């Protein structure tokens, strides 16, 4: 009876997962384009890039969604602290 609802929720969650990956990938491209990033920031960006590559190949489950949300939160903090961005404009700037 509720299989259609379960399928709909799963599809929506999968869409959000893929959208989060694309948004984070767009931020990483933005951040890596700066030539004057300090060494620790470069290392952090590369680490997140590696994590994101793994998530892109991984299925959407609660563990991977938590990892993605953690990377997203770190990207938002970096955007605000390193690039003077406004956290409230993060999604608008990096969503495709």
PDB file of N, CA and C in Angstrom:
ATOM      1  N   UNK A   1       0.808  -1.194   0.000  1.00  0.00           N
ATOM      2  CA  UNK A   1       0.000   0.000   0.000  1.00  0.00           C
ATOM      3  C   UNK A   1       0.856   1.266   0.000  1.00  0.00           C
ATOM      4  N   UNK A   2       1.896   1.304   0.790  1.00  0.00           N
ATOM      5  CA  UNK A   2       2.723   2.505   0.889  1.00  0.00           C
ATOM      6  C   UNK A   2       4.054   2.365   0.147  1.00  0.00           C
ATOM      7  N   UNK A   3       4.159   1.406  -0.736  1.00  0.00           N
ATOM      8  CA  UNK A   3       5.400   1.240  -1.495  1.00  0.00           C
ATOM      9  C   UNK A   3       5.679   2.469  -2.346  1.00  0.00           C
ATOM     10  N   UNK A   4       4.630   3.045  -2.928  1.00  0.00           N
ATOM     11  CA  UNK A   4       4.819   4.226  -3.762  1.00  0.00           C
ATOM     12  C   UNK A   4       5.360   5.392  -2.956  1.00  0.00           C
ATOM     13  N   UNK A   5       4.908   5.528  -1.698  1.00  0.00           N
ATOM     14  CA  UNK A   5       5.380   6.603  -0.837  1.00  0.00           C
ATOM     15  C   UNK A   5       6.840   6.387  -0.449  1.00  0.00           C
ATOM     16  N   UNK A   6       7.173   5.167  -0.113  1.00  0.00           N
ATOM     17  CA  UNK A   6       8.552   4.828   0.237  1.00  0.00           C
ATOM     18  C   UNK A   6       9.484   5.089  -0.946  1.00  0.00           C
ATOM     19  N   UNK A   7       9.034   4.716  -2.147  1.00  0.00           N
ATOM     20  CA  UNK A   7       9.827   4.946  -3.352  1.00  0.00           C
ATOM     21  C   UNK A   7      10.012   6.446  -3.593  1.00  0.00           C
ATOM     22  N   UNK A   8       8.962   7.218  -3.398  1.00  0.00           N
ATOM     23  CA  UNK A   8       9.010   8.670  -3.600  1.00  0.00           C
ATOM     24  C   UNK A   8      10.000   9.327  -2.628  1.00  0.00           C
ATOM     25  N   UNK A   9       9.965   8.910  -1.365  1.00  0.00           N
ATOM     26  CA  UNK A   9      10.880   9.452  -0.356  1.00  0.00           C
ATOM     27  C   UNK A   9      12.317   9.090  -0.717  1.00  0.00           C
ATOM     28  N   UNK A  10      12.542   7.860  -1.146  1.00  0.00           N
ATOM     29  CA  UNK A  10      13.886   7.411  -1.530  1.00  0.00           C
ATOM     30  C   UNK A  10      14.404   8.225  -2.715  1.00  0.00           C
ATOM     31  N   UNK A  11      13.561   8.451  -3.707  1.00  0.00           N
ATOM     32  CA  UNK A  11      13.961   9.243  -4.876  1.00  0.00           C
ATOM     33  C   UNK A  11      14.316  10.671  -4.479  1.00  0.00           C
ATOM     34  N   UNK A  12      13.531  11.264  -3.585  1.00  0.00           N
ATOM     35  CA  UNK A  12      13.792  12.629  -3.121  1.00  0.00           C
ATOM     36  C   UNK A  12      15.118  12.689  -2.369  1.00  0.00           C
ATOM     37  N   UNK A  13      15.361  11.713  -1.520  1.00  0.00           N
ATOM     38  CA  UNK A  13      16.613  11.664  -0.762  1.00  0.00           C
ATOM     39  C   UNK A  13      17.801  11.473  -1.698  1.00  0.00           C
ATOM     40  N   UNK A  14      17.652  10.624  -2.703  1.00  0.00           N
ATOM     41  CA  UNK A  14      18.723  10.420  -3.681  1.00  0.00           C
ATOM     42  C   UNK A  14      19.022  11.711  -4.434  1.00  0.00           C
ATOM     43  N   UNK A  15      17.971  12.457  -4.780  1.00  0.00           N
ATOM     44  CA  UNK A  15      18.146  13.744  -5.460  1.00  0.00           C
ATOM     45  C   UNK A  15      18.917  14.724  -4.584  1.00  0.00           C
ATOM     46  N   UNK A  16      18.568  14.790  -3.315  1.00  0.00           N
ATOM     47  CA  UNK A  16      19.236  15.691  -2.387  1.00  0.00           C
ATOM     48  C   UNK A  16      20.701  15.300  -2.210  1.00  0.00           C
ATOM     49  N   UNK A  17      20.972  14.019  -2.159  1.00  0.00           N
ATOM     50  CA  UNK A  17      22.343  13.505  -2.031  1.00  0.00           C
ATOM     51  C   UNK A  17      23.175  13.939  -3.241  1.00  0.00           C
ATOM     52  N   UNK A  18      22.652  13.724  -4.432  1.00  0.00           N
ATOM     53  CA  UNK A  18      23.367  14.099  -5.656  1.00  0.00           C
ATOM     54  C   UNK A  18      23.517  15.616  -5.756  1.00  0.00           C
ATOM     55  N   UNK A  19      22.504  16.341  -5.360  1.00  0.00           N
ATOM     56  CA  UNK A  19      22.568  17.796  -5.378  1.00  0.00           C
ATOM     57  C   UNK A  19      23.633  18.306  -4.404  1.00  0.00           C
ATOM     58  N   UNK A  20      23.707  17.697  -3.238  1.00  0.00           N
ATOM     59  CA  UNK A  20      24.733  18.061  -2.252  1.00  0.00           C
ATOM     60  C   UNK A  20      26.133  17.804  -2.766  1.00  0.00           C
ATOM     61  N   UNK A  21      26.305  16.695  -3.462  1.00  0.00           N
ATOM     62  CA  UNK A  21      27.612  16.385  -4.049  1.00  0.00           C
ATOM     63  C   UNK A  21      27.976  17.417  -5.107  1.00  0.00           C
ATOM     64  N   UNK A  22      27.033  17.759  -5.980  1.00  0.00           N
ATOM     65  CA  UNK A  22      27.311  18.762  -7.025  1.00  0.00           C
ATOM     66  C   UNK A  22      27.641  20.124  -6.420  1.00  0.00           C
ATOM     67  N   UNK A  23      26.887  20.531  -5.400  1.00  0.00           N
ATOM     68  CA  UNK A  23      27.133  21.819  -4.752  1.00  0.00           C
ATOM     69  C   UNK A  23      28.521  21.849  -4.122  1.00  0.00           C
ATOM     70  N   UNK A  24      28.886  20.774  -3.445  1.00  0.00           N
ATOM     71  CA  UNK A  24      30.199  20.702  -2.809  1.00  0.00           C
ATOM     72  C   UNK A  24      31.303  20.672  -3.857  1.00  0.00           C
ATOM     73  N   UNK A  25      31.088  19.952  -4.945  1.00  0.00           N
ATOM     74  CA  UNK A  25      32.075  19.910  -6.039  1.00  0.00           C
ATOM     75  C   UNK A  25      32.261  21.313  -6.614  1.00  0.00           C
ATOM     76  N   UNK A  26      31.173  22.057  -6.790  1.00  0.00           N
ATOM     77  CA  UNK A  26      31.274  23.430  -7.306  1.00  0.00           C
ATOM     78  C   UNK A  26      32.066  24.320  -6.351  1.00  0.00           C
ATOM     79  N   UNK A  27      31.836  24.158  -5.051  1.00  0.00           N
ATOM     80  CA  UNK A  27      32.611  24.948  -4.097  1.00  0.00           C
ATOM     81  C   UNK A  27      34.091  24.600  -4.186  1.00  0.00           C
ATOM     82  N   UNK A  28      34.411  23.307  -4.252  1.00  0.00           N
ATOM     83  CA  UNK A  28      35.815  22.909  -4.300  1.00  0.00           C
ATOM     84  C   UNK A  28      36.504  23.463  -5.550  1.00  0.00           C
ATOM     85  N   UNK A  29      35.806  23.467  -6.678  1.00  0.00           N
ATOM     86  CA  UNK A  29      36.375  24.070  -7.894  1.00  0.00           C
ATOM     87  C   UNK A  29      36.647  25.562  -7.668  1.00  0.00           C
ATOM     88  N   UNK A  30      35.699  26.243  -7.054  1.00  0.00           N
ATOM     89  CA  UNK A  30      35.848  27.659  -6.727  1.00  0.00           C
ATOM     90  C   UNK A  30      37.067  27.878  -5.830  1.00  0.00           C
ATOM     91  N   UNK A  31      37.157  27.100  -4.761  1.00  0.00           N
ATOM     92  CA  UNK A  31      38.225  27.292  -3.772  1.00  0.00           C
ATOM     93  C   UNK A  31      39.597  26.931  -4.330  1.00  0.00           C
ATOM     94  N   UNK A  32      39.664  25.882  -5.121  1.00  0.00           N
ATOM     95  CA  UNK A  32      40.958  25.452  -5.663  1.00  0.00           C
ATOM     96  C   UNK A  32      41.471  26.387  -6.751  1.00  0.00           C
ATOM     97  N   UNK A  33      40.613  27.235  -7.269  1.00  0.00           N
ATOM     98  CA  UNK A  33      41.025  28.186  -8.305  1.00  0.00           C
ATOM     99  C   UNK A  33      41.882  29.321  -7.736  1.00  0.00           C
ATOM    100  N   UNK A  34      41.830  29.528  -6.420  1.00  0.00           N
ATOM    101  CA  UNK A  34      42.631  30.578  -5.794  1.00  0.00           C
ATOM    102  C   UNK A  34      44.074  30.112  -5.660  1.00  0.00           C
ATOM    103  N   UNK A  35      44.986  30.909  -6.186  1.00  0.00           N
ATOM    104  CA  UNK A  35      46.408  30.551  -6.164  1.00  0.00           C
ATOM    105  C   UNK A  35      47.060  30.876  -4.829  1.00  0.00           C
ATOM    106  N   UNK A  36      46.453  31.754  -4.040  1.00  0.00           N
ATOM    107  CA  UNK A  36      47.075  32.186  -2.791  1.00  0.00           C
ATOM    108  C   UNK A  36      46.516  31.470  -1.556  1.00  0.00           C
ATOM    109  N   UNK A  37      45.922  30.296  -1.739  1.00  0.00           N
ATOM    110  CA  UNK A  37      45.485  29.503  -0.587  1.00  0.00           C
ATOM    111  C   UNK A  37      46.710  29.066   0.221  1.00  0.00           C
ATOM    112  N   UNK A  38      46.609  29.140   1.539  1.00  0.00           N
ATOM    113  CA  UNK A  38      47.733  28.698   2.358  1.00  0.00           C
ATOM    114  C   UNK A  38      47.795  27.169   2.369  1.00  0.00           C
ATOM    115  N   UNK A  39      48.935  26.634   2.791  1.00  0.00           N
ATOM    116  CA  UNK A  39      49.196  25.198   2.688  1.00  0.00           C
ATOM    117  C   UNK A  39      48.169  24.337   3.408  1.00  0.00           C
ATOM    118  N   UNK A  40      47.767  24.724   4.615  1.00  0.00           N
ATOM    119  CA  UNK A  40      46.779  23.929   5.353  1.00  0.00           C
ATOM    120  C   UNK A  40      45.438  23.901   4.621  1.00  0.00           C
ATOM    121  N   UNK A  41      45.056  25.023   4.062  1.00  0.00           N
ATOM    122  CA  UNK A  41      43.798  25.082   3.317  1.00  0.00           C
ATOM    123  C   UNK A  41      43.874  24.194   2.080  1.00  0.00           C
ATOM    124  N   UNK A  42      44.992  24.238   1.370  1.00  0.00           N
ATOM    125  CA  UNK A  42      45.169  23.373   0.202  1.00  0.00           C
ATOM    126  C   UNK A  42      45.026  21.904   0.589  1.00  0.00           C
ATOM    127  N   UNK A  43      45.641  21.539   1.699  1.00  0.00           N
ATOM    128  CA  UNK A  43      45.574  20.159   2.177  1.00  0.00           C
ATOM    129  C   UNK A  43      44.128  19.784   2.551  1.00  0.00           C
ATOM    130  N   UNK A  44      43.419  20.676   3.215  1.00  0.00           N
ATOM    131  CA  UNK A  44      42.028  20.429   3.592  1.00  0.00           C
ATOM    132  C   UNK A  44      41.146  20.270   2.351  1.00  0.00           C
ATOM    133  N   UNK A  45      41.365  21.115   1.357  1.00  0.00           N
ATOM    134  CA  UNK A  45      40.575  21.035   0.129  1.00  0.00           C
ATOM    135  C   UNK A  45      40.822  19.724  -0.612  1.00  0.00           C
ATOM    136  N   UNK A  46      42.076  19.298  -0.660  1.00  0.00           N
ATOM    137  CA  UNK A  46      42.391  18.023  -1.306  1.00  0.00           C
ATOM    138  C   UNK A  46      41.769  16.848  -0.565  1.00  0.00           C
ATOM    139  N   UNK A  47      41.776  16.925   0.753  1.00  0.00           N
ATOM    140  CA  UNK A  47      41.161  15.872   1.556  1.00  0.00           C
ATOM    141  C   UNK A  47      39.658  15.796   1.291  1.00  0.00           C
ATOM    142  N   UNK A  48      39.007  16.944   1.239  1.00  0.00           N
ATOM    143  CA  UNK A  48      37.573  16.960   0.959  1.00  0.00           C
ATOM    144  C   UNK A  48      37.288  16.491  -0.463  1.00  0.00           C
ATOM    145  N   UNK A  49      38.164  16.821  -1.393  1.00  0.00           N
ATOM    146  CA  UNK A  49      38.012  16.381  -2.770  1.00  0.00           C
ATOM    147  C   UNK A  49      38.063  14.850  -2.851  1.00  0.00           C
ATOM    148  N   UNK A  50      38.978  14.255  -2.112  1.00  0.00           N
ATOM    149  CA  UNK A  50      39.092  12.799  -2.074  1.00  0.00           C
ATOM    150  C   UNK A  50      37.842  12.178  -1.456  1.00  0.00           C
ATOM    151  N   UNK A  51      37.385  12.738  -0.346  1.00  0.00           N
ATOM    152  CA  UNK A  51      36.168  12.242   0.302  1.00  0.00           C
ATOM    153  C   UNK A  51      34.979  12.359  -0.640  1.00  0.00           C
ATOM    154  N   UNK A  52      34.883  13.461  -1.345  1.00  0.00           N
ATOM    155  CA  UNK A  52      33.776  13.677  -2.271  1.00  0.00           C
ATOM    156  C   UNK A  52      33.825  12.678  -3.428  1.00  0.00           C
ATOM    157  N   UNK A  53      35.019  12.375  -3.913  1.00  0.00           N
ATOM    158  CA  UNK A  53      35.157  11.385  -4.985  1.00  0.00           C
ATOM    159  C   UNK A  53      34.646  10.019  -4.526  1.00  0.00           C
ATOM    160  N   UNK A  54      34.928   9.677  -3.293  1.00  0.00           N
ATOM    161  CA  UNK A  54      34.436   8.413  -2.739  1.00  0.00           C
ATOM    162  C   UNK A  54      32.915   8.449  -2.623  1.00  0.00           C
ATOM    163  N   UNK A  55      32.376   9.561  -2.151  1.00  0.00           N
ATOM    164  CA  UNK A  55      30.930   9.690  -2.006  1.00  0.00           C
ATOM    165  C   UNK A  55      30.213   9.638  -3.350  1.00  0.00           C
ATOM    166  N   UNK A  56      30.850  10.165  -4.386  1.00  0.00           N
ATOM    167  CA  UNK A  56      30.244  10.136  -5.722  1.00  0.00           C
ATOM    168  C   UNK A  56      30.068   8.707  -6.216  1.00  0.00           C
ATOM    169  N   UNK A  57      30.934   7.818  -5.800  1.00  0.00           N
ATOM    170  CA  UNK A  57      30.863   6.421  -6.217  1.00  0.00           C
ATOM    171  C   UNK A  57      30.072   5.554  -5.244  1.00  0.00           C
ATOM    172  N   UNK A  58      29.679   6.131  -4.129  1.00  0.00           N
ATOM    173  CA  UNK A  58      29.006   5.375  -3.070  1.00  0.00           C
ATOM    174  C   UNK A  58      27.504   5.588  -3.112  1.00  0.00           C
ATOM    175  N   UNK A  59      26.759   4.608  -2.622  1.00  0.00           N
ATOM    176  CA  UNK A  59      25.302   4.763  -2.602  1.00  0.00           C
ATOM    177  C   UNK A  59      24.855   5.725  -1.512  1.00  0.00           C
ATOM    178  N   UNK A  60      23.670   6.225  -1.679  1.00  0.00           N
ATOM    179  CA  UNK A  60      23.084   7.097  -0.675  1.00  0.00           C
ATOM    180  C   UNK A  60      22.565   6.245   0.474  1.00  0.00           C
ATOM    181  N   UNK A  61      23.272   6.274   1.578  1.00  0.00           N
ATOM    182  CA  UNK A  61      22.789   5.652   2.810  1.00  0.00           C
ATOM    183  C   UNK A  61      23.070   6.619   3.951  1.00  0.00           C
ATOM    184  N   UNK A  62      22.633   6.297   5.128  1.00  0.00           N
ATOM    185  CA  UNK A  62      22.744   7.253   6.238  1.00  0.00           C
ATOM    186  C   UNK A  62      24.205   7.587   6.555  1.00  0.00           C
ATOM    187  N   UNK A  63      25.089   6.620   6.456  1.00  0.00           N
ATOM    188  CA  UNK A  63      26.510   6.856   6.744  1.00  0.00           C
ATOM    189  C   UNK A  63      27.120   7.827   5.728  1.00  0.00           C
ATOM    190  N   UNK A  64      26.832   7.603   4.458  1.00  0.00           N
ATOM    191  CA  UNK A  64      27.373   8.477   3.413  1.00  0.00           C
ATOM    192  C   UNK A  64      26.725   9.863   3.448  1.00  0.00           C
ATOM    193  N   UNK A  65      25.453   9.916   3.770  1.00  0.00           N
ATOM    194  CA  UNK A  65      24.787  11.211   3.890  1.00  0.00           C
ATOM    195  C   UNK A  65      25.404  12.015   5.034  1.00  0.00           C
ATOM    196  N   UNK A  66      25.716  11.360   6.141  1.00  0.00           N
ATOM    197  CA  UNK A  66      26.378  12.040   7.254  1.00  0.00           C
ATOM    198  C   UNK A  66      27.743  12.573   6.837  1.00  0.00           C
ATOM    199  N   UNK A  67      28.489  11.784   6.072  1.00  0.00           N
ATOM    200  CA  UNK A  67      29.800  12.241   5.577  1.00  0.00           C
ATOM    201  C   UNK A  67      29.640  13.455   4.676  1.00  0.00           C
ATOM    202  N   UNK A  68      28.653  13.388   3.788  1.00  0.00           N
ATOM    203  CA  UNK A  68      28.414  14.508   2.882  1.00  0.00           C
ATOM    204  C   UNK A  68      28.021  15.761   3.646  1.00  0.00           C
ATOM    205  N   UNK A  69      27.160  15.621   4.624  1.00  0.00           N
ATOM    206  CA  UNK A  69      26.748  16.777   5.423  1.00  0.00           C
ATOM    207  C   UNK A  69      27.925  17.366   6.194  1.00  0.00           C
ATOM    208  N   UNK A  70      28.824  16.510   6.662  1.00  0.00           N
ATOM    209  CA  UNK A  70      30.019  16.985   7.363  1.00  0.00           C
ATOM    210  C   UNK A  70      30.926  17.781   6.419  1.00  0.00           C
ATOM    211  N   UNK A  71      31.153  17.257   5.222  1.00  0.00           N
ATOM    212  CA  UNK A  71      31.972  17.971   4.233  1.00  0.00           C
ATOM    213  C   UNK A  71      31.299  19.286   3.849  1.00  0.00           C
ATOM    214  N   UNK A  72      29.992  19.259   3.672  1.00  0.00           N
ATOM    215  CA  UNK A  72      29.247  20.475   3.332  1.00  0.00           C
ATOM    216  C   UNK A  72      29.401  21.535   4.422  1.00  0.00           C
ATOM    217  N   UNK A  73      29.323  21.121   5.665  1.00  0.00           N
ATOM    218  CA  UNK A  73      29.455  22.055   6.781  1.00  0.00           C
ATOM    219  C   UNK A  73      30.863  22.670   6.804  1.00  0.00           C
ATOM    220  N   UNK A  74      31.865  21.864   6.558  1.00  0.00           N
ATOM    221  CA  UNK A  74      33.243  22.363   6.518  1.00  0.00           C
ATOM    222  C   UNK A  74      33.415  23.356   5.363  1.00  0.00           C
ATOM    223  N   UNK A  75      32.850  23.035   4.213  1.00  0.00           N
ATOM    224  CA  UNK A  75      32.938  23.935   3.060  1.00  0.00           C
ATOM    225  C   UNK A  75      32.289  25.283   3.350  1.00  0.00           C
ATOM    226  N   UNK A  76      31.165  25.250   4.021  1.00  0.00           N
ATOM    227  CA  UNK A  76      30.481  26.500   4.380  1.00  0.00           C
ATOM    228  C   UNK A  76      31.334  27.347   5.318  1.00  0.00           C
ATOM    229  N   UNK A  77      31.993  26.686   6.268  1.00  0.00           N
ATOM    230  CA  UNK A  77      32.867  27.416   7.195  1.00  0.00           C
ATOM    231  C   UNK A  77      34.061  28.012   6.457  1.00  0.00           C
ATOM    232  N   UNK A  78      34.645  27.241   5.567  1.00  0.00           N
ATOM    233  CA  UNK A  78      35.778  27.735   4.779  1.00  0.00           C
ATOM    234  C   UNK A  78      35.331  28.909   3.907  1.00  0.00           C
ATOM    235  N   UNK A  79      34.175  28.777   3.292  1.00  0.00           N
ATOM    236  CA  UNK A  79      33.649  29.850   2.446  1.00  0.00           C
ATOM    237  C   UNK A  79      33.519  31.144   3.245  1.00  0.00           C
ATOM    238  N   UNK A  80      33.043  31.039   4.457  1.00  0.00           N
ATOM    239  CA  UNK A  80      32.855  32.222   5.295  1.00  0.00           C
ATOM    240  C   UNK A  80      34.173  32.772   5.816  1.00  0.00           C
ATOM    241  N   UNK A  81      35.045  31.909   6.310  1.00  0.00           N
ATOM    242  CA  UNK A  81      36.265  32.392   6.964  1.00  0.00           C
ATOM    243  C   UNK A  81      37.383  32.739   5.990  1.00  0.00           C
ATOM    244  N   UNK A  82      37.567  31.941   4.969  1.00  0.00           N
ATOM    245  CA  UNK A  82      38.694  32.151   4.052  1.00  0.00           C
ATOM    246  C   UNK A  82      38.370  33.094   2.895  1.00  0.00           C
ATOM    247  N   UNK A  83      37.107  33.061   2.454  1.00  0.00           N
ATOM    248  CA  UNK A  83      36.752  33.830   1.266  1.00  0.00           C
ATOM    249  C   UNK A  83      35.750  34.946   1.547  1.00  0.00           C
ATOM    250  N   UNK A  84      35.406  35.125   2.807  1.00  0.00           N
ATOM    251  CA  UNK A  84      34.510  36.208   3.190  1.00  0.00           C
ATOM    252  C   UNK A  84      33.093  36.057   2.672  1.00  0.00           C
ATOM    253  N   UNK A  85      32.725  34.828   2.355  1.00  0.00           N
ATOM    254  CA  UNK A  85      31.383  34.578   1.837  1.00  0.00           C
ATOM    255  C   UNK A  85      30.342  34.564   2.943  1.00  0.00           C
ATOM    256  N   UNK A  86      29.130  34.745   2.556  1.00  0.00           N
ATOM    257  CA  UNK A  86      28.002  34.733   3.477  1.00  0.00           C
ATOM    258  C   UNK A  86      27.363  33.349   3.426  1.00  0.00           C
ATOM    259  N   UNK A  87      27.284  32.701   4.581  1.00  0.00           N
ATOM    260  CA  UNK A  87      26.739  31.347   4.649  1.00  0.00           C
ATOM    261  C   UNK A  87      25.321  31.274   4.089  1.00  0.00           C
ATOM    262  N   UNK A  88      24.564  32.330   4.242  1.00  0.00           N
ATOM    263  CA  UNK A  88      23.186  32.319   3.744  1.00  0.00           C
ATOM    264  C   UNK A  88      23.132  32.349   2.211  1.00  0.00           C
ATOM    265  N   UNK A  89      24.227  32.708   1.563  1.00  0.00           N
ATOM    266  CA  UNK A  89      24.262  32.754   0.099  1.00  0.00           C
ATOM    267  C   UNK A  89      25.016  31.573  -0.510  1.00  0.00           C
ATOM    268  N   UNK A  90      25.467  30.664   0.334  1.00  0.00           N
ATOM    269  CA  UNK A  90      26.269  29.523  -0.119  1.00  0.00           C
ATOM    270  C   UNK A  90      25.511  28.672  -1.145  1.00  0.00           C
ATOM    271  N   UNK A  91      24.299  28.267  -0.804  1.00  0.00           N
ATOM    272  CA  UNK A  91      23.529  27.405  -1.721  1.00  0.00           C
ATOM    273  C   UNK A  91      23.279  28.098  -3.038  1.00  0.00           C
ATOM    274  N   UNK A  92      22.886  29.354  -2.995  1.00  0.00           N
ATOM    275  CA  UNK A  92      22.586  30.085  -4.217  1.00  0.00           C
ATOM    276  C   UNK A  92      23.815  30.185  -5.122  1.00  0.00           C
ATOM    277  N   UNK A  93      24.969  30.393  -4.515  1.00  0.00           N
ATOM    278  CA  UNK A  93      26.196  30.556  -5.284  1.00  0.00           C
ATOM    279  C   UNK A  93      26.685  29.242  -5.904  1.00  0.00           C
ATOM    280  N   UNK A  94      26.552  28.131  -5.173  1.00  0.00           N
ATOM    281  CA  UNK A  94      27.163  26.881  -5.621  1.00  0.00           C
ATOM    282  C   UNK A  94      26.199  25.818  -6.131  1.00  0.00           C
ATOM    283  N   UNK A  95      24.892  26.046  -6.024  1.00  0.00           N
ATOM    284  CA  UNK A  95      23.951  25.118  -6.650  1.00  0.00           C
ATOM    285  C   UNK A  95      24.026  25.303  -8.146  1.00  0.00           C
ATOM    286  N   UNK A  96      23.856  24.212  -8.869  1.00  0.00           N
ATOM    287  CA  UNK A  96      23.933  24.300 -10.337  1.00  0.00           C
ATOM    288  C   UNK A  96      22.626  24.759 -10.913  1.00  0.00           C
TER     289      UNK A  96
END
